[in-house]
Amino acid sequence: MDKLLKLLDTNARLTNAQLAVMLDRPEAEVAAQIAALERSGVIRAYKALIDWDRTEREYVTAIIELKVTPKRDLGFEAVASVYLMSGGYDLSVFVNGRTFRDVAMFVAKRLSTLDSVLSTATHFVLRRYKDNGVMFLGDEKDERGAL
């Protein structure tokens, strides 16, 4: 199962037939195992990793550190990801917005106003070099020149 999950994590577009060959197992067995992993919630979703810098879409991504007073059922609707963290802050929240101002307003009006939020620190992502093991650079020429 671990090898199957690693293969899917690397490329979720592999067909059951391709996975069966790579795992040296019958295709029906691979299909049944994937279906069971989906039903049990081990496989949560299949997602394309998009290089948004190569599109016309305007966006900004921010990582917001939150110190919170623990409360039951704390929810965040407009966020991409939320992680419980160790260290100087409690939660790390990944937010996507159209502009820097959109993200700032989300923090000011939605996050910092929550009773349980003690403080926030917002970090804007300036460039994404690698995400989930996939490089996002390579075809761009470095115009800075050599020293």
Foldseek 3Di string as FASTA:
>chain_A
DVVLVVVCLVPVPDQLVRSCVVVVHDSVVSVVVVVVCVVVCVDPDRDDDDPCVPDPQAKWKKKKFWAWADDPPDDDDQFDDWDQDDDDGGIITIHMDRDPVVVVCCCVPPPVPDPGTPDMDMDIDPDDQADSRRGPDDPDDDPPDDD
